[in-house]
Amino acid sequence: MDKASQVLAQGVSPGMRTSYRALAGHSQKAQSQQYLTPWEEKALVKFLLQMSDLGQPVRIKFIPSLAFVATRQRPATQRPLKPPGKNWAKAFETRHPEMASRRVMALDWNRHEKNILGKIIH
């Protein structure tokens, strides 16, 4: 599927021209304005979900700094100089609905005791 067809499938914002050239240009412009590359975003989402599954969710205010660290793997000429803006984390959460806020369940004290009591006594 070409880029213009992909944009049409996602939906067109009001007031946007619907010619194939305009749609393809819009998708390229949107990709060039993204702070993270698509594979960096996928890796960040995977990391955040994994941390949440382990019972150590990352607060939304720390996500921009994680994104900035993720860009350190790029060549020096393609690295951003600053972390993402103040609204970037909320937009990131909107782009990835699986990142919805969750409440962490407290660890049962009996389970906690079995895991660390021996370490504390030792």
PDB file of N, CA and C in Angstrom:
ATOM      1  N   MET A   1       0.851  -1.172   0.000  1.00  0.00           N
ATOM      2  CA  MET A   1       0.000   0.000   0.000  1.00  0.00           C
ATOM      3  C   MET A   1       0.902   1.243   0.000  1.00  0.00           C
ATOM      4  N   ASP A   2       0.615   2.198  -0.882  1.00  0.00           N
ATOM      5  CA  ASP A   2       1.434   3.406  -0.942  1.00  0.00           C
ATOM      6  C   ASP A   2       1.093   4.340   0.212  1.00  0.00           C
ATOM      7  N   LYS A   3       1.943   5.368   0.410  1.00  0.00           N
ATOM      8  CA  LYS A   3       1.809   6.253   1.569  1.00  0.00           C
ATOM      9  C   LYS A   3       0.489   7.012   1.578  1.00  0.00           C
ATOM     10  N   ALA A   4       0.048   7.474   0.413  1.00  0.00           N
ATOM     11  CA  ALA A   4      -1.203   8.230   0.355  1.00  0.00           C
ATOM     12  C   ALA A   4      -2.385   7.351   0.749  1.00  0.00           C
ATOM     13  N   SER A   5      -2.384   6.107   0.322  1.00  0.00           N
ATOM     14  CA  SER A   5      -3.469   5.187   0.685  1.00  0.00           C
ATOM     15  C   SER A   5      -3.451   4.897   2.181  1.00  0.00           C
ATOM     16  N   GLN A   6      -2.259   4.813   2.768  1.00  0.00           N
ATOM     17  CA  GLN A   6      -2.157   4.585   4.204  1.00  0.00           C
ATOM     18  C   GLN A   6      -2.744   5.756   4.978  1.00  0.00           C
ATOM     19  N   VAL A   7      -2.464   6.973   4.528  1.00  0.00           N
ATOM     20  CA  VAL A   7      -3.008   8.167   5.194  1.00  0.00           C
ATOM     21  C   VAL A   7      -4.519   8.203   5.048  1.00  0.00           C
ATOM     22  N   LEU A   8      -5.032   7.854   3.857  1.00  0.00           N
ATOM     23  CA  LEU A   8      -6.483   7.816   3.654  1.00  0.00           C
ATOM     24  C   LEU A   8      -7.134   6.788   4.578  1.00  0.00           C
ATOM     25  N   ALA A   9      -6.474   5.640   4.761  1.00  0.00           N
ATOM     26  CA  ALA A   9      -7.020   4.596   5.631  1.00  0.00           C
ATOM     27  C   ALA A   9      -7.064   5.064   7.087  1.00  0.00           C
ATOM     28  N   GLN A  10      -6.117   5.897   7.493  1.00  0.00           N
ATOM     29  CA  GLN A  10      -6.075   6.396   8.868  1.00  0.00           C
ATOM     30  C   GLN A  10      -7.097   7.496   9.106  1.00  0.00           C
ATOM     31  N   GLY A  11      -7.514   8.151   8.060  1.00  0.00           N
ATOM     32  CA  GLY A  11      -8.454   9.254   8.199  1.00  0.00           C
ATOM     33  C   GLY A  11      -7.763  10.573   7.912  1.00  0.00           C
ATOM     34  N   VAL A  12      -8.504  11.484   7.319  1.00  0.00           N
ATOM     35  CA  VAL A  12      -7.951  12.772   6.909  1.00  0.00           C
ATOM     36  C   VAL A  12      -8.478  13.849   7.834  1.00  0.00           C
ATOM     37  N   SER A  13      -7.583  14.725   8.283  1.00  0.00           N
ATOM     38  CA  SER A  13      -8.026  15.820   9.144  1.00  0.00           C
ATOM     39  C   SER A  13      -8.809  16.839   8.320  1.00  0.00           C
ATOM     40  N   PRO A  14      -9.762  17.543   8.943  1.00  0.00           N
ATOM     41  CA  PRO A  14     -10.578  18.508   8.205  1.00  0.00           C
ATOM     42  C   PRO A  14      -9.718  19.623   7.610  1.00  0.00           C
ATOM     43  N   GLY A  15     -10.056  20.025   6.400  1.00  0.00           N
ATOM     44  CA  GLY A  15      -9.345  21.105   5.734  1.00  0.00           C
ATOM     45  C   GLY A  15      -8.115  20.658   4.972  1.00  0.00           C
ATOM     46  N   MET A  16      -7.804  19.374   5.019  1.00  0.00           N
ATOM     47  CA  MET A  16      -6.626  18.873   4.312  1.00  0.00           C
ATOM     48  C   MET A  16      -7.023  18.430   2.911  1.00  0.00           C
ATOM     49  N   ARG A  17      -6.190  18.774   1.945  1.00  0.00           N
ATOM     50  CA  ARG A  17      -6.458  18.374   0.561  1.00  0.00           C
ATOM     51  C   ARG A  17      -6.342  16.861   0.457  1.00  0.00           C
ATOM     52  N   THR A  18      -7.148  16.272  -0.411  1.00  0.00           N
ATOM     53  CA  THR A  18      -7.177  14.809  -0.509  1.00  0.00           C
ATOM     54  C   THR A  18      -6.515  14.290  -1.776  1.00  0.00           C
ATOM     55  N   SER A  19      -5.673  15.081  -2.411  1.00  0.00           N
ATOM     56  CA  SER A  19      -4.945  14.557  -3.567  1.00  0.00           C
ATOM     57  C   SER A  19      -3.839  13.627  -3.070  1.00  0.00           C
ATOM     58  N   TYR A  20      -3.462  12.671  -3.914  1.00  0.00           N
ATOM     59  CA  TYR A  20      -2.434  11.712  -3.500  1.00  0.00           C
ATOM     60  C   TYR A  20      -1.111  12.411  -3.182  1.00  0.00           C
ATOM     61  N   ARG A  21      -0.766  13.423  -3.943  1.00  0.00           N
ATOM     62  CA  ARG A  21       0.495  14.128  -3.701  1.00  0.00           C
ATOM     63  C   ARG A  21       0.481  14.836  -2.338  1.00  0.00           C
ATOM     64  N   ALA A  22      -0.637  15.496  -2.016  1.00  0.00           N
ATOM     65  CA  ALA A  22      -0.738  16.203  -0.734  1.00  0.00           C
ATOM     66  C   ALA A  22      -0.719  15.220   0.428  1.00  0.00           C
ATOM     67  N   LEU A  23      -1.398  14.090   0.285  1.00  0.00           N
ATOM     68  CA  LEU A  23      -1.439  13.099   1.360  1.00  0.00           C
ATOM     69  C   LEU A  23      -0.074  12.459   1.589  1.00  0.00           C
ATOM     70  N   ALA A  24       0.633  12.122   0.521  1.00  0.00           N
ATOM     71  CA  ALA A  24       1.957  11.516   0.654  1.00  0.00           C
ATOM     72  C   ALA A  24       2.929  12.513   1.286  1.00  0.00           C
ATOM     73  N   GLY A  25       2.848  13.780   0.881  1.00  0.00           N
ATOM     74  CA  GLY A  25       3.710  14.806   1.471  1.00  0.00           C
ATOM     75  C   GLY A  25       3.411  15.008   2.945  1.00  0.00           C
ATOM     76  N   HIS A  26       2.136  14.944   3.309  1.00  0.00           N
ATOM     77  CA  HIS A  26       1.741  15.102   4.709  1.00  0.00           C
ATOM     78  C   HIS A  26       2.321  13.981   5.572  1.00  0.00           C
ATOM     79  N   SER A  27       2.268  12.743   5.076  1.00  0.00           N
ATOM     80  CA  SER A  27       2.780  11.624   5.879  1.00  0.00           C
ATOM     81  C   SER A  27       4.295  11.713   6.024  1.00  0.00           C
ATOM     82  N   GLN A  28       5.006  12.157   4.985  1.00  0.00           N
ATOM     83  CA  GLN A  28       6.463  12.304   5.081  1.00  0.00           C
ATOM     84  C   GLN A  28       6.822  13.417   6.058  1.00  0.00           C
ATOM     85  N   LYS A  29       6.068  14.511   6.011  1.00  0.00           N
ATOM     86  CA  LYS A  29       6.332  15.627   6.921  1.00  0.00           C
ATOM     87  C   LYS A  29       6.090  15.204   8.366  1.00  0.00           C
ATOM     88  N   ALA A  30       5.013  14.444   8.593  1.00  0.00           N
ATOM     89  CA  ALA A  30       4.701  13.990   9.951  1.00  0.00           C
ATOM     90  C   ALA A  30       5.799  13.079  10.471  1.00  0.00           C
ATOM     91  N   GLN A  31       6.335  12.200   9.629  1.00  0.00           N
ATOM     92  CA  GLN A  31       7.398  11.303  10.066  1.00  0.00           C
ATOM     93  C   GLN A  31       8.683  12.069  10.370  1.00  0.00           C
ATOM     94  N   SER A  32       8.967  13.102   9.597  1.00  0.00           N
ATOM     95  CA  SER A  32      10.192  13.865   9.840  1.00  0.00           C
ATOM     96  C   SER A  32      10.103  14.705  11.109  1.00  0.00           C
ATOM     97  N   GLN A  33       8.883  14.994  11.566  1.00  0.00           N
ATOM     98  CA  GLN A  33       8.701  15.800  12.770  1.00  0.00           C
ATOM     99  C   GLN A  33       8.603  14.957  14.039  1.00  0.00           C
ATOM    100  N   GLN A  34       8.592  13.648  13.911  1.00  0.00           N
ATOM    101  CA  GLN A  34       8.525  12.775  15.082  1.00  0.00           C
ATOM    102  C   GLN A  34       9.831  12.856  15.849  1.00  0.00           C
ATOM    103  N   TYR A  35       9.746  12.850  17.164  1.00  0.00           N
ATOM    104  CA  TYR A  35      10.951  12.910  17.993  1.00  0.00           C
ATOM    105  C   TYR A  35      11.698  11.585  17.939  1.00  0.00           C
ATOM    106  N   LEU A  36      10.966  10.481  18.011  1.00  0.00           N
ATOM    107  CA  LEU A  36      11.571   9.151  17.950  1.00  0.00           C
ATOM    108  C   LEU A  36      11.245   8.496  16.617  1.00  0.00           C
ATOM    109  N   THR A  37      12.150   7.644  16.167  1.00  0.00           N
ATOM    110  CA  THR A  37      11.859   6.863  14.966  1.00  0.00           C
ATOM    111  C   THR A  37      10.836   5.794  15.346  1.00  0.00           C
ATOM    112  N   PRO A  38      10.149   5.206  14.358  1.00  0.00           N
ATOM    113  CA  PRO A  38       9.138   4.189  14.699  1.00  0.00           C
ATOM    114  C   PRO A  38       9.698   3.024  15.525  1.00  0.00           C
ATOM    115  N   TRP A  39      10.897   2.555  15.217  1.00  0.00           N
ATOM    116  CA  TRP A  39      11.440   1.425  15.986  1.00  0.00           C
ATOM    117  C   TRP A  39      11.858   1.854  17.387  1.00  0.00           C
ATOM    118  N   GLU A  40      12.270   3.129  17.567  1.00  0.00           N
ATOM    119  CA  GLU A  40      12.586   3.628  18.908  1.00  0.00           C
ATOM    120  C   GLU A  40      11.321   3.728  19.756  1.00  0.00           C
ATOM    121  N   GLU A  41      10.206   4.161  19.117  1.00  0.00           N
ATOM    122  CA  GLU A  41       8.932   4.235  19.845  1.00  0.00           C
ATOM    123  C   GLU A  41       8.475   2.849  20.273  1.00  0.00           C
ATOM    124  N   LYS A  42       8.612   1.871  19.363  1.00  0.00           N
ATOM    125  CA  LYS A  42       8.210   0.501  19.702  1.00  0.00           C
ATOM    126  C   LYS A  42       9.036  -0.027  20.868  1.00  0.00           C
ATOM    127  N   ALA A  43      10.333   0.254  20.850  1.00  0.00           N
ATOM    128  CA  ALA A  43      11.202  -0.209  21.934  1.00  0.00           C
ATOM    129  C   ALA A  43      10.823   0.464  23.253  1.00  0.00           C
ATOM    130  N   LEU A  44      10.502   1.749  23.215  1.00  0.00           N
ATOM    131  CA  LEU A  44      10.107   2.465  24.425  1.00  0.00           C
ATOM    132  C   LEU A  44       8.787   1.922  24.974  1.00  0.00           C
ATOM    133  N   VAL A  45       7.824   1.666  24.096  1.00  0.00           N
ATOM    134  CA  VAL A  45       6.543   1.104  24.524  1.00  0.00           C
ATOM    135  C   VAL A  45       6.769  -0.274  25.152  1.00  0.00           C
ATOM    136  N   LYS A  46       7.600  -1.084  24.508  1.00  0.00           N
ATOM    137  CA  LYS A  46       7.881  -2.425  25.033  1.00  0.00           C
ATOM    138  C   LYS A  46       8.517  -2.337  26.425  1.00  0.00           C
ATOM    139  N   PHE A  47       9.468  -1.422  26.593  1.00  0.00           N
ATOM    140  CA  PHE A  47      10.127  -1.239  27.885  1.00  0.00           C
ATOM    141  C   PHE A  47       9.134  -0.793  28.950  1.00  0.00           C
ATOM    142  N   LEU A  48       8.288   0.178  28.619  1.00  0.00           N
ATOM    143  CA  LEU A  48       7.334   0.700  29.598  1.00  0.00           C
ATOM    144  C   LEU A  48       6.312  -0.360  30.014  1.00  0.00           C
ATOM    145  N   LEU A  49       5.840  -1.154  29.047  1.00  0.00           N
ATOM    146  CA  LEU A  49       4.902  -2.224  29.373  1.00  0.00           C
ATOM    147  C   LEU A  49       5.573  -3.299  30.222  1.00  0.00           C
ATOM    148  N   GLN A  50       6.819  -3.593  29.919  1.00  0.00           N
ATOM    149  CA  GLN A  50       7.547  -4.597  30.686  1.00  0.00           C
ATOM    150  C   GLN A  50       7.755  -4.125  32.131  1.00  0.00           C
ATOM    151  N   MET A  51       8.117  -2.874  32.300  1.00  0.00           N
ATOM    152  CA  MET A  51       8.292  -2.335  33.649  1.00  0.00           C
ATOM    153  C   MET A  51       6.974  -2.380  34.427  1.00  0.00           C
ATOM    154  N   SER A  52       5.874  -2.075  33.741  1.00  0.00           N
ATOM    155  CA  SER A  52       4.573  -2.122  34.390  1.00  0.00           C
ATOM    156  C   SER A  52       4.212  -3.548  34.791  1.00  0.00           C
ATOM    157  N   ASP A  53       4.505  -4.512  33.924  1.00  0.00           N
ATOM    158  CA  ASP A  53       4.219  -5.911  34.238  1.00  0.00           C
ATOM    159  C   ASP A  53       5.055  -6.403  35.415  1.00  0.00           C
ATOM    160  N   LEU A  54       6.246  -5.851  35.577  1.00  0.00           N
ATOM    161  CA  LEU A  54       7.106  -6.239  36.688  1.00  0.00           C
ATOM    162  C   LEU A  54       6.716  -5.557  38.000  1.00  0.00           C
ATOM    163  N   GLY A  55       5.725  -4.659  37.933  1.00  0.00           N
ATOM    164  CA  GLY A  55       5.261  -3.980  39.146  1.00  0.00           C
ATOM    165  C   GLY A  55       6.002  -2.689  39.436  1.00  0.00           C
ATOM    166  N   GLN A  56       6.774  -2.196  38.483  1.00  0.00           N
ATOM    167  CA  GLN A  56       7.515  -0.944  38.653  1.00  0.00           C
ATOM    168  C   GLN A  56       7.174   0.015  37.511  1.00  0.00           C
ATOM    169  N   PRO A  57       5.935   0.507  37.436  1.00  0.00           N
ATOM    170  CA  PRO A  57       5.572   1.376  36.317  1.00  0.00           C
ATOM    171  C   PRO A  57       6.348   2.686  36.344  1.00  0.00           C
ATOM    172  N   VAL A  58       6.579   3.227  35.176  1.00  0.00           N
ATOM    173  CA  VAL A  58       7.312   4.488  35.034  1.00  0.00           C
ATOM    174  C   VAL A  58       6.300   5.624  35.016  1.00  0.00           C
ATOM    175  N   ARG A  59       6.544   6.649  35.802  1.00  0.00           N
ATOM    176  CA  ARG A  59       5.643   7.801  35.829  1.00  0.00           C
ATOM    177  C   ARG A  59       5.751   8.567  34.524  1.00  0.00           C
ATOM    178  N   ILE A  60       4.643   9.179  34.121  1.00  0.00           N
ATOM    179  CA  ILE A  60       4.572   9.854  32.829  1.00  0.00           C
ATOM    180  C   ILE A  60       5.583  10.998  32.733  1.00  0.00           C
ATOM    181  N   LYS A  61       5.947  11.612  33.852  1.00  0.00           N
ATOM    182  CA  LYS A  61       6.886  12.729  33.798  1.00  0.00           C
ATOM    183  C   LYS A  61       8.309  12.273  33.473  1.00  0.00           C
ATOM    184  N   PHE A  62       8.603  10.972  33.599  1.00  0.00           N
ATOM    185  CA  PHE A  62       9.935  10.464  33.288  1.00  0.00           C
ATOM    186  C   PHE A  62      10.052   9.941  31.858  1.00  0.00           C
ATOM    187  N   ILE A  63       8.939   9.811  31.146  1.00  0.00           N
ATOM    188  CA  ILE A  63       8.967   9.248  29.794  1.00  0.00           C
ATOM    189  C   ILE A  63       9.758  10.128  28.827  1.00  0.00           C
ATOM    190  N   PRO A  64       9.649  11.474  28.857  1.00  0.00           N
ATOM    191  CA  PRO A  64      10.473  12.273  27.940  1.00  0.00           C
ATOM    192  C   PRO A  64      11.972  12.070  28.142  1.00  0.00           C
ATOM    193  N   SER A  65      12.417  11.911  29.371  1.00  0.00           N
ATOM    194  CA  SER A  65      13.848  11.692  29.584  1.00  0.00           C
ATOM    195  C   SER A  65      14.271  10.325  29.052  1.00  0.00           C
ATOM    196  N   LEU A  66      13.395   9.326  29.132  1.00  0.00           N
ATOM    197  CA  LEU A  66      13.697   8.022  28.542  1.00  0.00           C
ATOM    198  C   LEU A  66      13.783   8.120  27.021  1.00  0.00           C
ATOM    199  N   ALA A  67      12.907   8.931  26.431  1.00  0.00           N
ATOM    200  CA  ALA A  67      12.955   9.128  24.980  1.00  0.00           C
ATOM    201  C   ALA A  67      14.253   9.818  24.582  1.00  0.00           C
ATOM    202  N   PHE A  68      14.672  10.784  25.380  1.00  0.00           N
ATOM    203  CA  PHE A  68      15.924  11.488  25.084  1.00  0.00           C
ATOM    204  C   PHE A  68      17.106  10.532  25.162  1.00  0.00           C
ATOM    205  N   VAL A  69      17.096   9.634  26.140  1.00  0.00           N
ATOM    206  CA  VAL A  69      18.160   8.640  26.274  1.00  0.00           C
ATOM    207  C   VAL A  69      18.141   7.672  25.087  1.00  0.00           C
ATOM    208  N   ALA A  70      16.946   7.341  24.609  1.00  0.00           N
ATOM    209  CA  ALA A  70      16.832   6.423  23.468  1.00  0.00           C
ATOM    210  C   ALA A  70      17.466   7.008  22.210  1.00  0.00           C
ATOM    211  N   THR A  71      17.472   8.322  22.085  1.00  0.00           N
ATOM    212  CA  THR A  71      18.057   8.946  20.889  1.00  0.00           C
ATOM    213  C   THR A  71      19.583   8.984  20.941  1.00  0.00           C
ATOM    214  N   ARG A  72      20.173   8.658  22.072  1.00  0.00           N
ATOM    215  CA  ARG A  72      21.639   8.655  22.203  1.00  0.00           C
ATOM    216  C   ARG A  72      22.296   7.578  21.331  1.00  0.00           C
ATOM    217  N   GLN A  73      21.523   6.600  20.861  1.00  0.00           N
ATOM    218  CA  GLN A  73      22.068   5.546  20.014  1.00  0.00           C
ATOM    219  C   GLN A  73      22.244   5.999  18.564  1.00  0.00           C
ATOM    220  N   ARG A  74      21.658   7.127  18.222  1.00  0.00           N
ATOM    221  CA  ARG A  74      21.753   7.643  16.847  1.00  0.00           C
ATOM    222  C   ARG A  74      23.143   8.219  16.595  1.00  0.00           C
ATOM    223  N   PRO A  75      23.502   8.368  15.312  1.00  0.00           N
ATOM    224  CA  PRO A  75      24.757   9.075  15.007  1.00  0.00           C
ATOM    225  C   PRO A  75      24.696  10.513  15.528  1.00  0.00           C
ATOM    226  N   ALA A  76      25.850  11.076  15.825  1.00  0.00           N
ATOM    227  CA  ALA A  76      25.917  12.403  16.459  1.00  0.00           C
ATOM    228  C   ALA A  76      25.210  13.486  15.646  1.00  0.00           C
ATOM    229  N   THR A  77      25.183  13.367  14.330  1.00  0.00           N
ATOM    230  CA  THR A  77      24.554  14.404  13.505  1.00  0.00           C
ATOM    231  C   THR A  77      23.034  14.327  13.529  1.00  0.00           C
ATOM    232  N   GLN A  78      22.481  13.190  13.913  1.00  0.00           N
ATOM    233  CA  GLN A  78      21.022  13.027  13.906  1.00  0.00           C
ATOM    234  C   GLN A  78      20.404  13.086  15.301  1.00  0.00           C
ATOM    235  N   ARG A  79      21.191  13.306  16.321  1.00  0.00           N
ATOM    236  CA  ARG A  79      20.678  13.369  17.690  1.00  0.00           C
ATOM    237  C   ARG A  79      20.012  14.708  17.954  1.00  0.00           C
ATOM    238  N   PRO A  80      18.899  14.709  18.671  1.00  0.00           N
ATOM    239  CA  PRO A  80      18.313  15.991  19.087  1.00  0.00           C
ATOM    240  C   PRO A  80      19.136  16.583  20.228  1.00  0.00           C
ATOM    241  N   LEU A  81      19.161  17.893  20.301  1.00  0.00           N
ATOM    242  CA  LEU A  81      19.939  18.570  21.339  1.00  0.00           C
ATOM    243  C   LEU A  81      19.191  18.674  22.657  1.00  0.00           C
ATOM    244  N   LYS A  82      17.847  18.654  22.595  1.00  0.00           N
ATOM    245  CA  LYS A  82      17.039  18.824  23.791  1.00  0.00           C
ATOM    246  C   LYS A  82      16.071  17.653  23.944  1.00  0.00           C
ATOM    247  N   PRO A  83      15.606  17.429  25.167  1.00  0.00           N
ATOM    248  CA  PRO A  83      14.556  16.414  25.348  1.00  0.00           C
ATOM    249  C   PRO A  83      13.250  16.893  24.714  1.00  0.00           C
ATOM    250  N   PRO A  84      12.290  16.001  24.523  1.00  0.00           N
ATOM    251  CA  PRO A  84      11.025  16.418  23.917  1.00  0.00           C
ATOM    252  C   PRO A  84      10.296  17.456  24.773  1.00  0.00           C
ATOM    253  N   GLY A  85       9.337  18.124  24.159  1.00  0.00           N
ATOM    254  CA  GLY A  85       8.599  19.183  24.835  1.00  0.00           C
ATOM    255  C   GLY A  85       7.701  18.684  25.957  1.00  0.00           C
ATOM    256  N   LYS A  86       7.067  19.630  26.638  1.00  0.00           N
ATOM    257  CA  LYS A  86       6.300  19.293  27.830  1.00  0.00           C
ATOM    258  C   LYS A  86       5.033  18.493  27.519  1.00  0.00           C
ATOM    259  N   ASN A  87       4.489  18.609  26.324  1.00  0.00           N
ATOM    260  CA  ASN A  87       3.268  17.879  25.969  1.00  0.00           C
ATOM    261  C   ASN A  87       3.556  16.587  25.215  1.00  0.00           C
ATOM    262  N   TRP A  88       4.814  16.276  24.973  1.00  0.00           N
ATOM    263  CA  TRP A  88       5.168  15.111  24.174  1.00  0.00           C
ATOM    264  C   TRP A  88       4.711  13.811  24.839  1.00  0.00           C
ATOM    265  N   ALA A  89       4.870  13.685  26.133  1.00  0.00           N
ATOM    266  CA  ALA A  89       4.516  12.439  26.830  1.00  0.00           C
ATOM    267  C   ALA A  89       3.017  12.160  26.734  1.00  0.00           C
ATOM    268  N   LYS A  90       2.206  13.188  26.837  1.00  0.00           N
ATOM    269  CA  LYS A  90       0.756  12.997  26.728  1.00  0.00           C
ATOM    270  C   LYS A  90       0.384  12.594  25.304  1.00  0.00           C
ATOM    271  N   ALA A  91       1.029  13.193  24.308  1.00  0.00           N
ATOM    272  CA  ALA A  91       0.771  12.815  22.919  1.00  0.00           C
ATOM    273  C   ALA A  91       1.244  11.383  22.656  1.00  0.00           C
ATOM    274  N   PHE A  92       2.357  10.999  23.279  1.00  0.00           N
ATOM    275  CA  PHE A  92       2.872   9.634  23.160  1.00  0.00           C
ATOM    276  C   PHE A  92       1.847   8.647  23.727  1.00  0.00           C
ATOM    277  N   GLU A  93       1.271   8.999  24.856  1.00  0.00           N
ATOM    278  CA  GLU A  93       0.257   8.148  25.473  1.00  0.00           C
ATOM    279  C   GLU A  93      -0.984   8.048  24.585  1.00  0.00           C
ATOM    280  N   THR A  94      -1.337   9.136  23.910  1.00  0.00           N
ATOM    281  CA  THR A  94      -2.487   9.137  23.008  1.00  0.00           C
ATOM    282  C   THR A  94      -2.214   8.265  21.778  1.00  0.00           C
ATOM    283  N   ARG A  95      -0.987   8.329  21.256  1.00  0.00           N
ATOM    284  CA  ARG A  95      -0.621   7.516  20.087  1.00  0.00           C
ATOM    285  C   ARG A  95      -0.600   6.026  20.401  1.00  0.00           C
ATOM    286  N   HIS A  96      -0.348   5.688  21.647  1.00  0.00           N
ATOM    287  CA  HIS A  96      -0.240   4.282  22.046  1.00  0.00           C
ATOM    288  C   HIS A  96      -1.271   3.989  23.133  1.00  0.00           C
ATOM    289  N   PRO A  97      -2.484   3.595  22.732  1.00  0.00           N
ATOM    290  CA  PRO A  97      -3.542   3.373  23.722  1.00  0.00           C
ATOM    291  C   PRO A  97      -3.239   2.243  24.703  1.00  0.00           C
ATOM    292  N   GLU A  98      -2.343   1.334  24.353  1.00  0.00           N
ATOM    293  CA  GLU A  98      -1.984   0.264  25.287  1.00  0.00           C
ATOM    294  C   GLU A  98      -1.213   0.795  26.487  1.00  0.00           C
ATOM    295  N   MET A  99      -0.800   2.059  26.423  1.00  0.00           N
ATOM    296  CA  MET A  99      -0.041   2.686  27.504  1.00  0.00           C
ATOM    297  C   MET A  99      -0.954   3.364  28.534  1.00  0.00           C
ATOM    298  N   ALA A 100      -2.219   3.004  28.537  1.00  0.00           N
ATOM    299  CA  ALA A 100      -3.161   3.634  29.465  1.00  0.00           C
ATOM    300  C   ALA A 100      -2.677   3.445  30.901  1.00  0.00           C
ATOM    301  N   SER A 101      -2.983   4.411  31.728  1.00  0.00           N
ATOM    302  CA  SER A 101      -2.558   4.353  33.129  1.00  0.00           C
ATOM    303  C   SER A 101      -3.168   3.141  33.820  1.00  0.00           C
ATOM    304  N   ARG A 102      -2.367   2.516  34.655  1.00  0.00           N
ATOM    305  CA  ARG A 102      -2.829   1.364  35.422  1.00  0.00           C
ATOM    306  C   ARG A 102      -2.516   1.601  36.889  1.00  0.00           C
ATOM    307  N   ARG A 103      -3.274   0.957  37.742  1.00  0.00           N
ATOM    308  CA  ARG A 103      -2.996   1.028  39.170  1.00  0.00           C
ATOM    309  C   ARG A 103      -2.261  -0.244  39.556  1.00  0.00           C
ATOM    310  N   VAL A 104      -1.191  -0.094  40.289  1.00  0.00           N
ATOM    311  CA  VAL A 104      -0.374  -1.229  40.695  1.00  0.00           C
ATOM    312  C   VAL A 104      -0.956  -1.829  41.963  1.00  0.00           C
ATOM    313  N   MET A 105      -1.066  -3.128  41.967  1.00  0.00           N
ATOM    314  CA  MET A 105      -1.569  -3.831  43.149  1.00  0.00           C
ATOM    315  C   MET A 105      -0.436  -3.953  44.167  1.00  0.00           C
ATOM    316  N   ALA A 106      -0.784  -3.806  45.434  1.00  0.00           N
ATOM    317  CA  ALA A 106       0.214  -3.939  46.494  1.00  0.00           C
ATOM    318  C   ALA A 106       0.639  -5.396  46.614  1.00  0.00           C
ATOM    319  N   LEU A 107       1.887  -5.601  46.930  1.00  0.00           N
ATOM    320  CA  LEU A 107       2.414  -6.942  47.109  1.00  0.00           C
ATOM    321  C   LEU A 107       1.951  -7.492  48.456  1.00  0.00           C
ATOM    322  N   ASP A 108       1.455  -8.720  48.437  1.00  0.00           N
ATOM    323  CA  ASP A 108       1.011  -9.354  49.674  1.00  0.00           C
ATOM    324  C   ASP A 108       2.198  -9.469  50.634  1.00  0.00           C
ATOM    325  N   TRP A 109       2.005  -9.100  51.895  1.00  0.00           N
ATOM    326  CA  TRP A 109       3.119  -9.060  52.840  1.00  0.00           C
ATOM    327  C   TRP A 109       3.739 -10.440  53.037  1.00  0.00           C
ATOM    328  N   ASN A 110       2.951 -11.486  52.997  1.00  0.00           N
ATOM    329  CA  ASN A 110       3.501 -12.839  53.144  1.00  0.00           C
ATOM    330  C   ASN A 110       4.446 -13.177  51.996  1.00  0.00           C
ATOM    331  N   ARG A 111       4.092 -12.799  50.791  1.00  0.00           N
ATOM    332  CA  ARG A 111       4.980 -13.024  49.647  1.00  0.00           C
ATOM    333  C   ARG A 111       6.249 -12.190  49.794  1.00  0.00           C
ATOM    334  N   HIS A 112       6.090 -10.970  50.256  1.00  0.00           N
ATOM    335  CA  HIS A 112       7.225 -10.076  50.427  1.00  0.00           C
ATOM    336  C   HIS A 112       8.203 -10.661  51.437  1.00  0.00           C
ATOM    337  N   GLU A 113       7.653 -11.157  52.557  1.00  0.00           N
ATOM    338  CA  GLU A 113       8.479 -11.721  53.617  1.00  0.00           C
ATOM    339  C   GLU A 113       9.276 -12.925  53.127  1.00  0.00           C
ATOM    340  N   LYS A 114       8.645 -13.771  52.325  1.00  0.00           N
ATOM    341  CA  LYS A 114       9.318 -14.972  51.835  1.00  0.00           C
ATOM    342  C   LYS A 114      10.463 -14.609  50.897  1.00  0.00           C
ATOM    343  N   ASN A 115      10.360 -13.481  50.243  1.00  0.00           N
ATOM    344  CA  ASN A 115      11.399 -13.106  49.286  1.00  0.00           C
ATOM    345  C   ASN A 115      12.596 -12.430  49.933  1.00  0.00           C
ATOM    346  N   ILE A 116      12.395 -11.649  50.988  1.00  0.00           N
ATOM    347  CA  ILE A 116      13.516 -10.859  51.507  1.00  0.00           C
ATOM    348  C   ILE A 116      13.901 -11.132  52.957  1.00  0.00           C
ATOM    349  N   LEU A 117      13.089 -11.876  53.691  1.00  0.00           N
ATOM    350  CA  LEU A 117      13.373 -12.061  55.107  1.00  0.00           C
ATOM    351  C   LEU A 117      14.752 -12.694  55.320  1.00  0.00           C
ATOM    352  N   GLY A 118      15.071 -13.711  54.553  1.00  0.00           N
ATOM    353  CA  GLY A 118      16.373 -14.361  54.683  1.00  0.00           C
ATOM    354  C   GLY A 118      17.526 -13.428  54.349  1.00  0.00           C
ATOM    355  N   LYS A 119      17.323 -12.567  53.391  1.00  0.00           N
ATOM    356  CA  LYS A 119      18.371 -11.617  53.009  1.00  0.00           C
ATOM    357  C   LYS A 119      18.616 -10.582  54.113  1.00  0.00           C
ATOM    358  N   ILE A 120      17.538 -10.176  54.768  1.00  0.00           N
ATOM    359  CA  ILE A 120      17.664  -9.183  55.827  1.00  0.00           C
ATOM    360  C   ILE A 120      18.366  -9.792  57.042  1.00  0.00           C
ATOM    361  N   ILE A 121      17.955 -11.000  57.401  1.00  0.00           N
ATOM    362  CA  ILE A 121      18.550 -11.664  58.567  1.00  0.00           C
ATOM    363  C   ILE A 121      20.019 -11.956  58.315  1.00  0.00           C
ATOM    364  N   HIS A 122      20.338 -12.371  57.088  1.00  0.00           N
ATOM    365  CA  HIS A 122      21.720 -12.708  56.748  1.00  0.00           C
ATOM    366  C   HIS A 122      22.576 -11.445  56.799  1.00  0.00           C
TER     367      HIS A 122
END
